[in-house]
């Protein structure tokens, strides 16, 4: 069955960095677009970044453009999200999304930005 498993979240000070990973299984990872989303407390889930099947095309939400970078390693069935220059407003649970029909979500990983 399709599984997406995120990791790499944690507590970081403002201005710090984290790298999130999402390992996929149960589908042909290298043929699907993969995305990252986040949900802050009391807010709706929002788009963060997306990457094409071959990694050549990325798109970002305006709020993270220039600070976050999405990448993938198809040999490892893994998509990454590098988070730099973190701000308190980046605090959220981060989810990856993808697979057939773009219908699958991971369980999420918590990112907390606080001094």
N, C-alpha and C. Protein backbone atom coordinates (compact mmCIF):
# COMPACT_ATOMS: atom_id res chain seq x y z
N UNK A 1 0.84 -1.18 0.00
CA UNK A 1 0.00 0.00 0.00
C UNK A 1 0.89 1.25 0.00
N UNK A 2 0.29 2.35 -0.42
CA UNK A 2 1.04 3.61 -0.47
C UNK A 2 1.31 4.11 0.94
N UNK A 3 2.56 4.50 1.16
CA UNK A 3 2.94 5.11 2.44
C UNK A 3 3.86 6.29 2.17
N UNK A 4 3.64 7.34 2.94
CA UNK A 4 4.51 8.51 2.95
C UNK A 4 4.88 8.77 4.40
N UNK A 5 6.16 8.81 4.69
CA UNK A 5 6.61 8.96 6.07
C UNK A 5 7.58 10.13 6.16
N UNK A 6 7.14 11.18 6.88
CA UNK A 6 7.98 12.36 7.05
C UNK A 6 8.85 12.23 8.29
N UNK A 7 9.96 12.96 8.28
CA UNK A 7 10.84 13.05 9.44
C UNK A 7 11.65 14.33 9.33
N UNK A 8 12.34 14.68 10.41
CA UNK A 8 13.26 15.80 10.38
C UNK A 8 12.77 17.06 11.08
N UNK A 9 11.55 17.04 11.58
CA UNK A 9 11.05 18.21 12.28
C UNK A 9 11.72 18.37 13.64
N UNK A 10 11.41 19.49 14.29
CA UNK A 10 11.98 19.73 15.60
C UNK A 10 11.80 21.18 16.03
N UNK A 11 12.48 21.52 17.11
CA UNK A 11 12.46 22.88 17.66
C UNK A 11 13.72 23.60 17.20
N UNK A 12 13.55 24.79 16.64
CA UNK A 12 14.68 25.55 16.14
C UNK A 12 14.47 27.02 16.45
N UNK A 13 15.54 27.74 16.64
CA UNK A 13 15.45 29.17 16.92
C UNK A 13 15.19 29.95 15.62
N UNK A 14 14.60 31.13 15.74
CA UNK A 14 14.43 31.98 14.54
C UNK A 14 15.76 32.18 13.83
N UNK A 15 15.72 32.09 12.51
CA UNK A 15 16.92 32.19 11.70
C UNK A 15 17.60 30.87 11.44
N UNK A 16 17.16 29.82 12.13
CA UNK A 16 17.77 28.52 11.98
C UNK A 16 17.29 27.75 10.77
N UNK A 17 17.76 26.51 10.66
CA UNK A 17 17.46 25.67 9.51
C UNK A 17 17.07 24.26 9.95
N UNK A 18 16.30 23.63 9.09
CA UNK A 18 15.95 22.22 9.24
C UNK A 18 15.85 21.61 7.86
N UNK A 19 16.03 20.28 7.78
CA UNK A 19 15.76 19.58 6.54
C UNK A 19 14.75 18.46 6.82
N UNK A 20 13.63 18.56 6.15
CA UNK A 20 12.60 17.54 6.28
C UNK A 20 12.77 16.50 5.17
N UNK A 21 12.42 15.27 5.47
CA UNK A 21 12.45 14.18 4.50
C UNK A 21 11.10 13.50 4.46
N UNK A 22 10.76 12.98 3.30
CA UNK A 22 9.54 12.18 3.14
C UNK A 22 9.90 10.97 2.30
N UNK A 23 9.83 9.79 2.90
CA UNK A 23 10.14 8.55 2.20
C UNK A 23 8.84 7.92 1.73
N UNK A 24 8.80 7.59 0.45
CA UNK A 24 7.60 7.04 -0.17
C UNK A 24 7.76 5.55 -0.47
N UNK A 25 6.66 4.83 -0.45
CA UNK A 25 6.65 3.43 -0.83
C UNK A 25 5.27 3.07 -1.36
N UNK A 26 5.22 1.97 -2.10
CA UNK A 26 3.94 1.47 -2.59
C UNK A 26 3.49 2.02 -3.92
N UNK A 27 4.31 2.85 -4.55
CA UNK A 27 4.00 3.35 -5.89
C UNK A 27 5.31 3.72 -6.58
N UNK A 28 5.23 3.97 -7.88
CA UNK A 28 6.44 4.29 -8.66
C UNK A 28 6.77 5.76 -8.44
N UNK A 29 7.52 6.02 -7.40
CA UNK A 29 7.81 7.38 -6.93
C UNK A 29 8.31 8.29 -8.03
N UNK A 30 9.19 7.77 -8.88
CA UNK A 30 9.88 8.61 -9.86
C UNK A 30 8.97 9.15 -10.96
N UNK A 31 7.72 8.73 -10.99
CA UNK A 31 6.81 9.19 -12.03
C UNK A 31 5.76 10.17 -11.53
N UNK A 32 5.86 10.57 -10.25
CA UNK A 32 4.82 11.43 -9.67
C UNK A 32 5.37 12.73 -9.13
N UNK A 33 4.60 13.79 -9.34
CA UNK A 33 4.83 15.06 -8.66
C UNK A 33 4.67 14.84 -7.16
N UNK A 34 5.51 15.53 -6.39
CA UNK A 34 5.40 15.46 -4.93
C UNK A 34 5.30 16.88 -4.37
N UNK A 35 4.53 17.00 -3.30
CA UNK A 35 4.34 18.32 -2.71
C UNK A 35 4.53 18.33 -1.21
N UNK A 36 4.75 19.53 -0.69
CA UNK A 36 4.81 19.76 0.76
C UNK A 36 3.73 20.78 1.13
N UNK A 37 3.08 20.53 2.25
CA UNK A 37 2.05 21.40 2.78
C UNK A 37 2.32 21.58 4.27
N UNK A 38 1.65 22.55 4.86
CA UNK A 38 1.79 22.74 6.30
C UNK A 38 0.47 23.21 6.90
N UNK A 39 0.32 22.94 8.18
CA UNK A 39 -0.88 23.37 8.91
C UNK A 39 -0.47 23.89 10.27
N UNK A 40 -0.73 25.17 10.47
CA UNK A 40 -0.45 25.80 11.75
C UNK A 40 -1.67 25.66 12.66
N UNK A 41 -1.46 25.76 13.97
CA UNK A 41 -2.60 25.63 14.90
C UNK A 41 -3.71 26.62 14.58
N UNK A 42 -4.92 26.11 14.46
CA UNK A 42 -6.07 26.96 14.21
C UNK A 42 -6.22 27.45 12.80
N UNK A 43 -5.36 26.96 11.90
CA UNK A 43 -5.42 27.41 10.50
C UNK A 43 -5.63 26.24 9.56
N UNK A 44 -6.02 26.55 8.33
CA UNK A 44 -6.19 25.51 7.34
C UNK A 44 -4.83 25.06 6.79
N UNK A 45 -4.81 23.84 6.27
CA UNK A 45 -3.60 23.34 5.63
C UNK A 45 -3.32 24.16 4.38
N UNK A 46 -2.04 24.51 4.17
CA UNK A 46 -1.69 25.35 3.03
C UNK A 46 -0.53 24.77 2.25
N UNK A 47 -0.51 25.11 0.97
CA UNK A 47 0.55 24.68 0.07
C UNK A 47 1.87 25.35 0.45
N UNK A 48 2.96 24.58 0.37
CA UNK A 48 4.30 25.13 0.62
C UNK A 48 5.16 25.05 -0.64
N UNK A 49 5.26 23.84 -1.22
CA UNK A 49 6.16 23.65 -2.37
C UNK A 49 5.75 22.40 -3.12
N UNK A 50 6.14 22.36 -4.39
CA UNK A 50 5.88 21.18 -5.22
C UNK A 50 7.08 20.97 -6.14
N UNK A 51 7.33 19.71 -6.50
CA UNK A 51 8.45 19.40 -7.38
C UNK A 51 7.98 18.39 -8.43
N UNK A 52 8.44 18.59 -9.67
CA UNK A 52 8.06 17.69 -10.75
C UNK A 52 8.67 16.32 -10.57
N UNK A 53 8.23 15.35 -11.39
CA UNK A 53 8.65 13.98 -11.23
C UNK A 53 10.16 13.82 -11.39
N UNK A 54 10.76 14.67 -12.24
CA UNK A 54 12.19 14.55 -12.49
C UNK A 54 13.01 15.57 -11.70
N UNK A 55 12.34 16.39 -10.90
CA UNK A 55 13.06 17.37 -10.09
C UNK A 55 13.40 18.65 -10.80
N UNK A 56 13.07 18.76 -12.08
CA UNK A 56 13.50 19.93 -12.85
C UNK A 56 12.67 21.19 -12.58
N UNK A 57 11.46 21.00 -12.12
CA UNK A 57 10.56 22.14 -11.92
C UNK A 57 10.12 22.17 -10.46
N UNK A 58 10.26 23.33 -9.83
CA UNK A 58 9.79 23.53 -8.46
C UNK A 58 8.90 24.78 -8.43
N UNK A 59 7.98 24.76 -7.51
CA UNK A 59 7.12 25.93 -7.31
C UNK A 59 6.91 26.10 -5.82
N UNK A 60 6.84 27.36 -5.38
CA UNK A 60 6.78 27.65 -3.95
C UNK A 60 5.67 28.65 -3.63
N UNK A 61 5.16 28.55 -2.43
CA UNK A 61 4.28 29.59 -1.91
C UNK A 61 5.10 30.87 -1.73
N UNK A 62 4.47 32.00 -1.93
CA UNK A 62 5.18 33.27 -1.80
C UNK A 62 5.81 33.44 -0.42
N UNK A 63 5.16 32.90 0.59
CA UNK A 63 5.62 33.08 1.96
C UNK A 63 6.94 32.38 2.26
N UNK A 64 7.32 31.41 1.42
CA UNK A 64 8.56 30.65 1.68
C UNK A 64 9.59 30.81 0.56
N UNK A 65 9.21 31.49 -0.51
CA UNK A 65 10.10 31.63 -1.65
C UNK A 65 11.41 32.30 -1.23
N UNK A 66 12.53 31.71 -1.65
CA UNK A 66 13.83 32.24 -1.30
C UNK A 66 14.38 31.72 0.01
N UNK A 67 13.54 31.05 0.80
CA UNK A 67 13.99 30.50 2.09
C UNK A 67 13.94 28.98 2.11
N UNK A 68 12.96 28.41 1.44
CA UNK A 68 12.79 26.95 1.43
C UNK A 68 13.19 26.41 0.06
N UNK A 69 13.70 25.18 0.04
CA UNK A 69 14.06 24.51 -1.20
C UNK A 69 13.56 23.08 -1.20
N UNK A 70 12.85 22.70 -2.25
CA UNK A 70 12.37 21.34 -2.39
C UNK A 70 13.29 20.60 -3.36
N UNK A 71 13.56 19.33 -3.03
CA UNK A 71 14.42 18.50 -3.88
C UNK A 71 13.96 17.06 -3.74
N UNK A 72 14.43 16.21 -4.64
CA UNK A 72 14.07 14.80 -4.55
C UNK A 72 15.23 13.94 -5.01
N UNK A 73 15.23 12.70 -4.49
CA UNK A 73 16.18 11.67 -4.90
C UNK A 73 15.35 10.46 -5.29
N UNK A 74 15.17 10.27 -6.58
CA UNK A 74 14.30 9.18 -7.03
C UNK A 74 14.90 7.81 -6.75
N UNK A 75 16.21 7.73 -6.62
CA UNK A 75 16.84 6.46 -6.29
C UNK A 75 16.53 6.03 -4.86
N UNK A 76 16.21 7.02 -4.01
CA UNK A 76 15.91 6.74 -2.60
C UNK A 76 14.42 6.90 -2.30
N UNK A 77 13.61 7.16 -3.32
CA UNK A 77 12.17 7.37 -3.11
C UNK A 77 11.90 8.42 -2.04
N UNK A 78 12.66 9.49 -2.08
CA UNK A 78 12.61 10.49 -1.03
C UNK A 78 12.50 11.90 -1.61
N UNK A 79 11.64 12.69 -0.99
CA UNK A 79 11.54 14.12 -1.31
C UNK A 79 11.94 14.89 -0.05
N UNK A 80 12.65 15.98 -0.26
CA UNK A 80 13.19 16.78 0.84
C UNK A 80 12.61 18.19 0.80
N UNK A 81 12.62 18.82 1.98
CA UNK A 81 12.31 20.24 2.06
C UNK A 81 13.35 20.87 2.99
N UNK A 82 14.21 21.70 2.42
CA UNK A 82 15.20 22.42 3.20
C UNK A 82 14.58 23.74 3.65
N UNK A 83 14.56 23.96 4.94
CA UNK A 83 13.97 25.16 5.52
C UNK A 83 15.09 26.02 6.10
N UNK A 84 15.29 27.19 5.53
CA UNK A 84 16.31 28.12 6.00
C UNK A 84 15.66 29.42 6.46
N UNK A 85 16.40 30.20 7.23
CA UNK A 85 15.93 31.50 7.71
C UNK A 85 14.53 31.38 8.32
N UNK A 86 14.38 30.41 9.18
CA UNK A 86 13.06 30.12 9.74
C UNK A 86 12.54 31.25 10.60
N UNK A 87 11.22 31.43 10.55
CA UNK A 87 10.53 32.47 11.31
C UNK A 87 9.50 31.80 12.21
N UNK A 88 9.11 32.48 13.29
CA UNK A 88 8.07 31.89 14.16
C UNK A 88 6.80 31.52 13.40
N UNK A 89 6.47 32.28 12.38
CA UNK A 89 5.25 31.99 11.62
C UNK A 89 5.38 30.75 10.73
N UNK A 90 6.56 30.16 10.66
CA UNK A 90 6.73 28.89 9.96
C UNK A 90 6.35 27.69 10.84
N UNK A 91 6.06 27.95 12.10
CA UNK A 91 5.67 26.88 13.01
C UNK A 91 4.40 26.21 12.51
N UNK A 92 4.47 24.90 12.33
CA UNK A 92 3.34 24.14 11.77
C UNK A 92 3.72 22.66 11.73
N UNK A 93 2.72 21.85 11.46
CA UNK A 93 2.97 20.46 11.08
C UNK A 93 3.13 20.44 9.57
N UNK A 94 4.21 19.83 9.12
CA UNK A 94 4.53 19.78 7.69
C UNK A 94 4.21 18.38 7.16
N UNK A 95 3.51 18.36 6.04
CA UNK A 95 3.05 17.11 5.42
C UNK A 95 3.59 17.01 4.01
N UNK A 96 3.92 15.79 3.57
CA UNK A 96 4.15 15.57 2.15
C UNK A 96 2.91 14.93 1.55
N UNK A 97 2.79 15.14 0.24
CA UNK A 97 1.60 14.68 -0.48
C UNK A 97 2.04 14.19 -1.84
N UNK A 98 1.42 13.10 -2.30
CA UNK A 98 1.73 12.62 -3.64
C UNK A 98 1.12 11.28 -3.91
N UNK A 99 1.70 10.56 -4.88
CA UNK A 99 1.19 9.26 -5.25
C UNK A 99 0.06 9.35 -6.27
N UNK A 100 -0.51 8.20 -6.64
CA UNK A 100 -1.58 8.16 -7.63
C UNK A 100 -2.75 9.08 -7.29
N UNK A 101 -3.14 9.91 -8.24
CA UNK A 101 -4.21 10.86 -8.00
C UNK A 101 -3.87 11.97 -7.03
N UNK A 102 -2.61 12.06 -6.65
CA UNK A 102 -2.15 13.04 -5.64
C UNK A 102 -2.99 12.91 -4.38
N UNK A 103 -3.33 11.70 -4.04
CA UNK A 103 -4.34 11.45 -3.01
C UNK A 103 -3.78 11.07 -1.66
N UNK A 104 -2.47 10.94 -1.56
CA UNK A 104 -1.90 10.39 -0.34
C UNK A 104 -1.12 11.44 0.44
N UNK A 105 -1.25 11.33 1.78
CA UNK A 105 -0.59 12.25 2.70
C UNK A 105 0.22 11.45 3.72
N UNK A 106 1.30 12.05 4.16
CA UNK A 106 2.01 11.48 5.28
C UNK A 106 1.35 11.87 6.59
N UNK A 107 1.95 11.43 7.69
CA UNK A 107 1.38 11.71 9.01
C UNK A 107 1.79 13.07 9.54
N UNK A 108 2.80 13.67 8.92
CA UNK A 108 3.25 14.99 9.31
C UNK A 108 4.41 14.97 10.28
N UNK A 109 5.17 16.07 10.27
CA UNK A 109 6.27 16.25 11.21
C UNK A 109 6.21 17.69 11.73
N UNK A 110 6.35 17.83 13.05
CA UNK A 110 6.17 19.14 13.69
C UNK A 110 7.44 19.98 13.55
N UNK A 111 7.26 21.21 13.12
CA UNK A 111 8.33 22.21 13.10
C UNK A 111 7.91 23.35 14.01
N UNK A 112 8.74 23.63 15.00
CA UNK A 112 8.47 24.73 15.93
C UNK A 112 9.63 25.70 15.90
N UNK A 113 9.33 26.95 15.60
CA UNK A 113 10.35 28.00 15.54
C UNK A 113 10.11 28.96 16.70
N UNK A 114 11.02 28.93 17.65
CA UNK A 114 10.83 29.72 18.86
C UNK A 114 12.17 29.95 19.53
N UNK A 115 12.28 31.11 20.18
CA UNK A 115 13.50 31.39 20.94
C UNK A 115 13.29 31.00 22.40
